[in-house]
């Protein structure tokens, strides 16, 4: 939420300059935000391709939005039970009211391997929550 001004750049006199040469964005420029709860259901993974010639045996999912990160537990036995132990992830974030300004939700799938090595084996970025938003029905209508 800070604007960095380089040497010889535009310097507004109305804004207060911080010691690190950054300025606060005025409130009339920032989009209106509201606190939202994002729930992601991670059911499981099946038929994953090999990554670097090794099968994916212990995957886990990491979901990130607005700097808030949540992750599932890893799957212990991929062949017999390819379901995550903690299936629902909840993120509490402040998102803009207008969908055009909202940040993406990044979903990454990692594999837990020997010696703590966790390579990224898959990723997805959701840019708009409009298709997934749950509408509340007001009572009395």
N, C-alpha and C. Protein backbone atom coordinates (compact mmCIF):
# COMPACT_ATOMS: atom_id res chain seq x y z
N UNK A 1 0.81 -1.19 0.00
CA UNK A 1 0.00 0.00 0.00
C UNK A 1 0.85 1.25 0.00
N UNK A 2 2.08 1.11 -0.44
CA UNK A 2 2.97 2.26 -0.50
C UNK A 2 3.44 2.46 -1.93
N UNK A 3 3.66 3.72 -2.30
CA UNK A 3 4.17 4.05 -3.63
C UNK A 3 5.62 4.47 -3.47
N UNK A 4 6.52 3.84 -4.21
CA UNK A 4 7.92 4.21 -4.14
C UNK A 4 8.22 5.20 -5.26
N UNK A 5 8.82 6.32 -4.89
CA UNK A 5 9.17 7.36 -5.85
C UNK A 5 10.68 7.31 -6.07
N UNK A 6 11.11 7.17 -7.31
CA UNK A 6 12.53 7.09 -7.63
C UNK A 6 13.17 8.46 -7.66
N UNK A 7 14.48 8.52 -7.87
CA UNK A 7 15.17 9.81 -7.93
C UNK A 7 14.70 10.62 -9.14
N UNK A 8 14.40 11.87 -8.89
CA UNK A 8 13.93 12.75 -9.96
C UNK A 8 12.50 12.49 -10.39
N UNK A 9 11.78 11.63 -9.65
CA UNK A 9 10.40 11.30 -10.00
C UNK A 9 9.42 12.33 -9.47
N UNK A 10 8.15 12.11 -9.72
CA UNK A 10 7.09 13.02 -9.30
C UNK A 10 6.98 12.99 -7.79
N UNK A 11 6.96 14.16 -7.15
CA UNK A 11 6.90 14.25 -5.70
C UNK A 11 5.72 15.13 -5.31
N UNK A 12 4.61 14.53 -4.89
CA UNK A 12 3.45 15.34 -4.51
C UNK A 12 3.69 16.03 -3.17
N UNK A 13 3.33 17.29 -3.11
CA UNK A 13 3.51 18.04 -1.87
C UNK A 13 2.43 17.73 -0.85
N UNK A 14 1.26 17.21 -1.29
CA UNK A 14 0.14 16.97 -0.39
C UNK A 14 0.34 15.70 0.45
N UNK A 15 1.19 14.77 0.01
CA UNK A 15 1.36 13.51 0.71
C UNK A 15 2.53 13.58 1.68
N UNK A 16 2.39 12.87 2.78
CA UNK A 16 3.45 12.82 3.78
C UNK A 16 4.51 11.81 3.35
N UNK A 17 5.78 12.25 3.34
CA UNK A 17 6.88 11.40 2.93
C UNK A 17 7.45 10.68 4.15
N UNK A 18 7.63 9.36 4.05
CA UNK A 18 8.24 8.58 5.11
C UNK A 18 9.75 8.58 4.94
N UNK A 19 10.48 8.08 5.92
CA UNK A 19 11.94 8.09 5.86
C UNK A 19 12.50 7.19 4.76
N UNK A 20 11.77 6.14 4.39
CA UNK A 20 12.25 5.27 3.32
C UNK A 20 11.80 5.76 1.94
N UNK A 21 11.43 7.02 1.84
CA UNK A 21 11.01 7.68 0.60
C UNK A 21 9.80 7.00 -0.03
N UNK A 22 8.83 6.66 0.80
CA UNK A 22 7.58 6.08 0.32
C UNK A 22 6.43 6.94 0.83
N UNK A 23 5.29 6.85 0.15
CA UNK A 23 4.13 7.67 0.47
C UNK A 23 2.93 6.76 0.72
N UNK A 24 2.03 7.17 1.61
CA UNK A 24 0.77 6.45 1.81
C UNK A 24 -0.17 6.78 0.66
N UNK A 25 -0.91 5.78 0.21
CA UNK A 25 -1.91 6.00 -0.83
C UNK A 25 -3.12 6.66 -0.19
N UNK A 26 -3.62 7.76 -0.74
CA UNK A 26 -4.80 8.41 -0.16
C UNK A 26 -6.01 7.49 -0.14
N UNK A 27 -6.88 7.68 0.86
CA UNK A 27 -8.04 6.79 1.03
C UNK A 27 -9.01 6.86 -0.15
N UNK A 28 -9.10 8.00 -0.83
CA UNK A 28 -10.04 8.09 -1.94
C UNK A 28 -9.53 7.36 -3.20
N UNK A 29 -8.27 6.93 -3.19
CA UNK A 29 -7.72 6.19 -4.33
C UNK A 29 -7.81 4.68 -4.09
N UNK A 30 -7.63 4.24 -2.84
CA UNK A 30 -7.67 2.81 -2.52
C UNK A 30 -9.08 2.27 -2.71
N UNK A 31 -9.21 1.05 -3.24
CA UNK A 31 -10.55 0.46 -3.36
C UNK A 31 -11.10 0.08 -1.98
N UNK A 32 -12.42 0.11 -1.86
CA UNK A 32 -13.07 -0.28 -0.62
C UNK A 32 -12.90 -1.79 -0.44
N UNK A 33 -12.57 -2.21 0.77
CA UNK A 33 -12.37 -3.62 1.04
C UNK A 33 -13.35 -4.11 2.10
N UNK A 34 -13.52 -5.41 2.14
CA UNK A 34 -14.34 -6.04 3.19
C UNK A 34 -13.65 -7.34 3.59
N UNK A 35 -13.86 -7.71 4.83
CA UNK A 35 -13.27 -8.95 5.31
C UNK A 35 -14.07 -10.12 4.75
N UNK A 36 -13.34 -11.06 4.14
CA UNK A 36 -13.99 -12.21 3.52
C UNK A 36 -13.34 -13.48 4.04
N UNK A 37 -14.14 -14.51 4.06
CA UNK A 37 -13.67 -15.84 4.46
C UNK A 37 -13.70 -16.72 3.21
N UNK A 38 -12.54 -17.23 2.84
CA UNK A 38 -12.43 -18.10 1.67
C UNK A 38 -12.22 -19.52 2.17
N UNK A 39 -13.08 -20.43 1.76
CA UNK A 39 -12.95 -21.84 2.12
C UNK A 39 -12.63 -22.64 0.86
N UNK A 40 -11.58 -23.43 0.95
CA UNK A 40 -11.16 -24.27 -0.16
C UNK A 40 -11.26 -25.72 0.28
N UNK A 41 -12.01 -26.53 -0.48
CA UNK A 41 -12.14 -27.95 -0.17
C UNK A 41 -11.15 -28.73 -1.03
N UNK A 42 -10.21 -29.38 -0.39
CA UNK A 42 -9.20 -30.19 -1.08
C UNK A 42 -9.57 -31.65 -0.91
N UNK A 43 -10.16 -32.23 -1.91
CA UNK A 43 -10.67 -33.59 -1.79
C UNK A 43 -9.57 -34.63 -1.90
N UNK A 44 -8.69 -34.50 -2.87
CA UNK A 44 -7.62 -35.47 -3.05
C UNK A 44 -7.04 -35.36 -4.44
N UNK A 45 -6.01 -36.13 -4.69
CA UNK A 45 -5.39 -36.15 -6.01
C UNK A 45 -5.25 -37.59 -6.46
N UNK A 46 -5.41 -37.79 -7.76
CA UNK A 46 -5.29 -39.12 -8.35
C UNK A 46 -4.58 -39.01 -9.69
N UNK A 47 -3.93 -40.08 -10.08
CA UNK A 47 -3.27 -40.18 -11.39
C UNK A 47 -2.32 -39.01 -11.66
N UNK A 48 -1.49 -38.67 -10.69
CA UNK A 48 -0.52 -37.61 -10.91
C UNK A 48 0.66 -38.16 -11.71
N UNK A 49 1.14 -37.36 -12.66
CA UNK A 49 2.29 -37.77 -13.46
C UNK A 49 3.57 -37.67 -12.64
N UNK A 50 4.59 -38.34 -13.11
CA UNK A 50 5.88 -38.30 -12.44
C UNK A 50 6.48 -36.90 -12.54
N UNK A 51 7.25 -36.54 -11.53
CA UNK A 51 7.97 -35.27 -11.53
C UNK A 51 9.45 -35.58 -11.41
N UNK A 52 10.23 -35.17 -12.40
CA UNK A 52 11.67 -35.45 -12.45
C UNK A 52 11.95 -36.95 -12.32
N UNK A 53 11.17 -37.74 -13.05
CA UNK A 53 11.32 -39.20 -13.14
C UNK A 53 10.96 -39.95 -11.86
N UNK A 54 10.42 -39.26 -10.84
CA UNK A 54 10.01 -39.92 -9.61
C UNK A 54 8.50 -39.75 -9.44
N UNK A 55 7.82 -40.80 -8.95
CA UNK A 55 6.37 -40.66 -8.74
C UNK A 55 6.07 -39.72 -7.58
N UNK A 56 4.91 -39.09 -7.66
CA UNK A 56 4.44 -38.20 -6.59
C UNK A 56 3.78 -39.09 -5.54
N UNK A 57 4.39 -39.19 -4.35
CA UNK A 57 3.90 -40.10 -3.32
C UNK A 57 3.26 -39.42 -2.13
N UNK A 58 3.72 -38.23 -1.75
CA UNK A 58 3.22 -37.56 -0.55
C UNK A 58 2.88 -36.09 -0.86
N UNK A 59 1.87 -35.85 -1.71
CA UNK A 59 1.56 -34.46 -2.07
C UNK A 59 0.83 -33.72 -0.95
N UNK A 60 0.97 -32.39 -0.96
CA UNK A 60 0.17 -31.51 -0.12
C UNK A 60 -0.11 -30.24 -0.90
N UNK A 61 -1.15 -29.54 -0.50
CA UNK A 61 -1.60 -28.34 -1.22
C UNK A 61 -1.38 -27.12 -0.36
N UNK A 62 -0.95 -26.04 -1.01
CA UNK A 62 -0.75 -24.75 -0.35
C UNK A 62 -1.59 -23.71 -1.09
N UNK A 63 -2.46 -22.99 -0.36
CA UNK A 63 -3.33 -21.97 -0.95
C UNK A 63 -2.91 -20.62 -0.40
N UNK A 64 -2.72 -19.63 -1.30
CA UNK A 64 -2.25 -18.30 -0.89
C UNK A 64 -3.12 -17.22 -1.52
N UNK A 65 -3.50 -16.24 -0.70
CA UNK A 65 -4.23 -15.06 -1.19
C UNK A 65 -3.89 -13.90 -0.27
N UNK A 66 -3.49 -12.77 -0.85
CA UNK A 66 -3.21 -11.56 -0.07
C UNK A 66 -2.13 -11.78 0.98
N UNK A 67 -1.21 -12.69 0.73
CA UNK A 67 -0.14 -12.97 1.68
C UNK A 67 -0.50 -13.96 2.77
N UNK A 68 -1.76 -14.39 2.83
CA UNK A 68 -2.20 -15.39 3.81
C UNK A 68 -2.04 -16.77 3.17
N UNK A 69 -1.34 -17.66 3.86
CA UNK A 69 -1.04 -18.99 3.31
C UNK A 69 -1.58 -20.06 4.25
N UNK A 70 -2.29 -21.03 3.68
CA UNK A 70 -2.77 -22.21 4.42
C UNK A 70 -2.34 -23.44 3.63
N UNK A 71 -2.05 -24.53 4.34
CA UNK A 71 -1.66 -25.76 3.65
C UNK A 71 -2.31 -26.97 4.29
N UNK A 72 -2.53 -27.99 3.46
CA UNK A 72 -3.09 -29.25 3.94
C UNK A 72 -1.98 -30.09 4.52
N UNK A 73 -2.36 -31.16 5.18
CA UNK A 73 -1.38 -32.17 5.55
C UNK A 73 -1.06 -33.00 4.33
N UNK A 74 0.05 -33.71 4.36
CA UNK A 74 0.43 -34.51 3.20
C UNK A 74 -0.31 -35.85 3.23
N UNK A 75 -0.50 -36.41 2.05
CA UNK A 75 -1.14 -37.72 1.92
C UNK A 75 -0.10 -38.78 2.29
N UNK A 76 -0.47 -39.67 3.20
CA UNK A 76 0.48 -40.65 3.71
C UNK A 76 0.62 -41.83 2.74
N UNK A 77 -0.50 -42.43 2.32
CA UNK A 77 -0.48 -43.58 1.42
C UNK A 77 -1.24 -43.21 0.16
N UNK A 78 -0.51 -42.78 -0.84
CA UNK A 78 -1.13 -42.30 -2.08
C UNK A 78 -1.88 -43.41 -2.82
N UNK A 79 -1.37 -44.62 -2.80
CA UNK A 79 -1.99 -45.70 -3.57
C UNK A 79 -3.29 -46.17 -2.93
N UNK A 80 -3.31 -46.32 -1.61
CA UNK A 80 -4.49 -46.87 -0.95
C UNK A 80 -5.54 -45.82 -0.60
N UNK A 81 -5.12 -44.59 -0.26
CA UNK A 81 -6.07 -43.55 0.16
C UNK A 81 -5.57 -42.17 -0.30
N UNK A 82 -5.90 -41.75 -1.53
CA UNK A 82 -5.39 -40.49 -2.06
C UNK A 82 -6.21 -39.27 -1.63
N UNK A 83 -6.55 -39.20 -0.34
CA UNK A 83 -7.37 -38.11 0.20
C UNK A 83 -6.55 -37.35 1.24
N UNK A 84 -6.69 -36.03 1.25
CA UNK A 84 -5.96 -35.20 2.22
C UNK A 84 -6.55 -35.35 3.61
N UNK A 85 -5.70 -35.35 4.65
CA UNK A 85 -6.21 -35.50 6.02
C UNK A 85 -7.01 -34.28 6.49
N UNK A 86 -6.61 -33.08 6.12
CA UNK A 86 -7.34 -31.85 6.47
C UNK A 86 -7.89 -31.28 5.16
N UNK A 87 -9.15 -31.57 4.87
CA UNK A 87 -9.70 -31.30 3.55
C UNK A 87 -10.16 -29.87 3.34
N UNK A 88 -10.45 -29.12 4.42
CA UNK A 88 -10.98 -27.76 4.26
C UNK A 88 -9.97 -26.75 4.78
N UNK A 89 -9.57 -25.82 3.90
CA UNK A 89 -8.67 -24.73 4.27
C UNK A 89 -9.48 -23.44 4.34
N UNK A 90 -9.22 -22.62 5.36
CA UNK A 90 -9.95 -21.37 5.54
C UNK A 90 -8.98 -20.21 5.57
N UNK A 91 -9.25 -19.20 4.74
CA UNK A 91 -8.42 -17.99 4.70
C UNK A 91 -9.29 -16.80 5.06
N UNK A 92 -8.84 -15.98 6.01
CA UNK A 92 -9.51 -14.72 6.36
C UNK A 92 -8.71 -13.59 5.75
N UNK A 93 -9.27 -12.90 4.75
CA UNK A 93 -8.53 -11.84 4.05
C UNK A 93 -9.43 -10.63 3.83
N UNK A 94 -8.81 -9.48 3.67
CA UNK A 94 -9.52 -8.26 3.27
C UNK A 94 -9.41 -8.14 1.76
N UNK A 95 -10.54 -8.29 1.07
CA UNK A 95 -10.56 -8.23 -0.38
C UNK A 95 -11.37 -7.02 -0.84
N UNK A 96 -11.01 -6.43 -1.98
CA UNK A 96 -11.78 -5.32 -2.51
C UNK A 96 -13.21 -5.74 -2.86
N UNK A 97 -14.14 -4.79 -2.69
CA UNK A 97 -15.54 -5.06 -3.00
C UNK A 97 -15.70 -5.30 -4.50
N UNK A 98 -15.02 -4.50 -5.31
CA UNK A 98 -15.08 -4.67 -6.76
C UNK A 98 -14.12 -5.78 -7.18
N UNK A 99 -14.63 -6.72 -7.96
CA UNK A 99 -13.88 -7.91 -8.33
C UNK A 99 -12.66 -7.59 -9.19
N UNK A 100 -12.69 -6.50 -9.91
CA UNK A 100 -11.58 -6.17 -10.81
C UNK A 100 -10.29 -5.88 -10.05
N UNK A 101 -10.39 -5.45 -8.79
CA UNK A 101 -9.21 -5.12 -7.98
C UNK A 101 -8.75 -6.27 -7.09
N UNK A 102 -9.45 -7.38 -7.08
CA UNK A 102 -9.11 -8.45 -6.14
C UNK A 102 -7.85 -9.19 -6.60
N UNK A 103 -7.01 -9.61 -5.65
CA UNK A 103 -5.80 -10.36 -6.00
C UNK A 103 -6.15 -11.80 -6.34
N UNK A 104 -5.27 -12.49 -7.04
CA UNK A 104 -5.57 -13.89 -7.38
C UNK A 104 -5.40 -14.81 -6.18
N UNK A 105 -6.03 -15.97 -6.27
CA UNK A 105 -5.82 -17.04 -5.31
C UNK A 105 -4.89 -18.04 -6.00
N UNK A 106 -3.74 -18.28 -5.38
CA UNK A 106 -2.76 -19.19 -5.96
C UNK A 106 -2.81 -20.53 -5.23
N UNK A 107 -2.93 -21.60 -6.00
CA UNK A 107 -2.98 -22.95 -5.44
C UNK A 107 -1.76 -23.70 -5.98
N UNK A 108 -0.95 -24.22 -5.06
CA UNK A 108 0.26 -24.95 -5.43
C UNK A 108 0.19 -26.36 -4.84
N UNK A 109 0.63 -27.34 -5.62
CA UNK A 109 0.73 -28.72 -5.15
C UNK A 109 2.21 -29.06 -5.06
N UNK A 110 2.63 -29.49 -3.88
CA UNK A 110 4.02 -29.88 -3.63
C UNK A 110 4.06 -31.36 -3.31
N UNK A 111 5.23 -31.95 -3.45
CA UNK A 111 5.45 -33.34 -3.06
C UNK A 111 6.52 -33.37 -1.97
N UNK A 112 6.25 -34.09 -0.90
CA UNK A 112 7.23 -34.22 0.18
C UNK A 112 8.13 -35.41 -0.12
N UNK A 113 9.42 -35.12 -0.26
CA UNK A 113 10.38 -36.17 -0.61
C UNK A 113 11.45 -36.30 0.46
N UNK A 114 12.42 -37.14 0.19
CA UNK A 114 13.49 -37.40 1.15
C UNK A 114 14.29 -36.13 1.45
N UNK A 115 14.81 -36.05 2.66
CA UNK A 115 15.69 -34.98 3.12
C UNK A 115 15.03 -33.60 3.08
N UNK A 116 13.70 -33.54 3.20
CA UNK A 116 12.99 -32.27 3.26
C UNK A 116 12.81 -31.57 1.93
N UNK A 117 13.10 -32.23 0.83
CA UNK A 117 12.94 -31.64 -0.49
C UNK A 117 11.47 -31.64 -0.87
N UNK A 118 10.92 -30.46 -1.21
CA UNK A 118 9.50 -30.34 -1.57
C UNK A 118 9.38 -29.62 -2.91
N UNK A 119 9.47 -30.36 -4.02
CA UNK A 119 9.34 -29.70 -5.33
C UNK A 119 7.89 -29.33 -5.64
N UNK A 120 7.74 -28.27 -6.40
CA UNK A 120 6.43 -27.85 -6.89
C UNK A 120 6.06 -28.75 -8.06
N UNK A 121 4.92 -29.47 -7.94
CA UNK A 121 4.51 -30.40 -9.00
C UNK A 121 3.28 -29.92 -9.76
N UNK A 122 2.62 -28.86 -9.29
CA UNK A 122 1.45 -28.33 -9.99
C UNK A 122 1.02 -27.01 -9.40
N UNK A 123 0.39 -26.17 -10.22
CA UNK A 123 -0.08 -24.87 -9.71
C UNK A 123 -1.27 -24.40 -10.53
N UNK A 124 -2.07 -23.55 -9.91
CA UNK A 124 -3.24 -22.95 -10.54
C UNK A 124 -3.46 -21.59 -9.92
N UNK A 125 -3.84 -20.61 -10.71
CA UNK A 125 -4.14 -19.27 -10.22
C UNK A 125 -5.57 -18.92 -10.61
N UNK A 126 -6.37 -18.57 -9.61
CA UNK A 126 -7.76 -18.18 -9.85
C UNK A 126 -7.81 -16.67 -9.77
N UNK A 127 -8.12 -16.02 -10.89
CA UNK A 127 -8.07 -14.56 -10.94
C UNK A 127 -9.37 -13.88 -10.52
N UNK A 128 -10.48 -14.57 -10.61
CA UNK A 128 -11.76 -13.97 -10.25
C UNK A 128 -12.56 -14.91 -9.37
N UNK A 129 -13.09 -14.37 -8.28
CA UNK A 129 -13.90 -15.18 -7.36
C UNK A 129 -15.39 -15.10 -7.67
N UNK A 130 -15.75 -14.35 -8.70
CA UNK A 130 -17.16 -14.13 -9.00
C UNK A 130 -17.92 -15.43 -9.26
N UNK A 131 -17.30 -16.39 -9.92
CA UNK A 131 -17.97 -17.67 -10.21
C UNK A 131 -18.11 -18.53 -8.97
N UNK A 132 -17.30 -18.30 -7.95
CA UNK A 132 -17.28 -19.15 -6.76
C UNK A 132 -17.94 -18.50 -5.54
N UNK A 133 -18.37 -17.26 -5.66
CA UNK A 133 -18.91 -16.53 -4.52
C UNK A 133 -20.27 -17.09 -4.12
N UNK A 134 -20.44 -17.31 -2.83
CA UNK A 134 -21.70 -17.81 -2.30
C UNK A 134 -22.57 -16.62 -1.94
N UNK A 135 -23.75 -16.55 -2.53
CA UNK A 135 -24.68 -15.46 -2.27
C UNK A 135 -25.55 -15.83 -1.08
N UNK A 136 -25.70 -14.90 -0.16
CA UNK A 136 -26.56 -15.11 1.00
C UNK A 136 -27.97 -14.64 0.66
N UNK A 137 -28.95 -15.47 0.94
CA UNK A 137 -30.35 -15.13 0.69
C UNK A 137 -30.87 -14.41 1.91
N UNK A 138 -31.34 -13.18 1.71
CA UNK A 138 -31.85 -12.43 2.86
C UNK A 138 -33.17 -13.00 3.31
N UNK A 139 -33.38 -12.98 4.61
CA UNK A 139 -34.61 -13.54 5.18
C UNK A 139 -35.79 -12.61 4.92
N UNK A 140 -36.94 -13.18 4.70
CA UNK A 140 -38.16 -12.40 4.49
C UNK A 140 -38.42 -12.08 3.04
N UNK A 141 -37.61 -12.61 2.11
CA UNK A 141 -37.83 -12.33 0.71
C UNK A 141 -38.54 -13.48 0.07
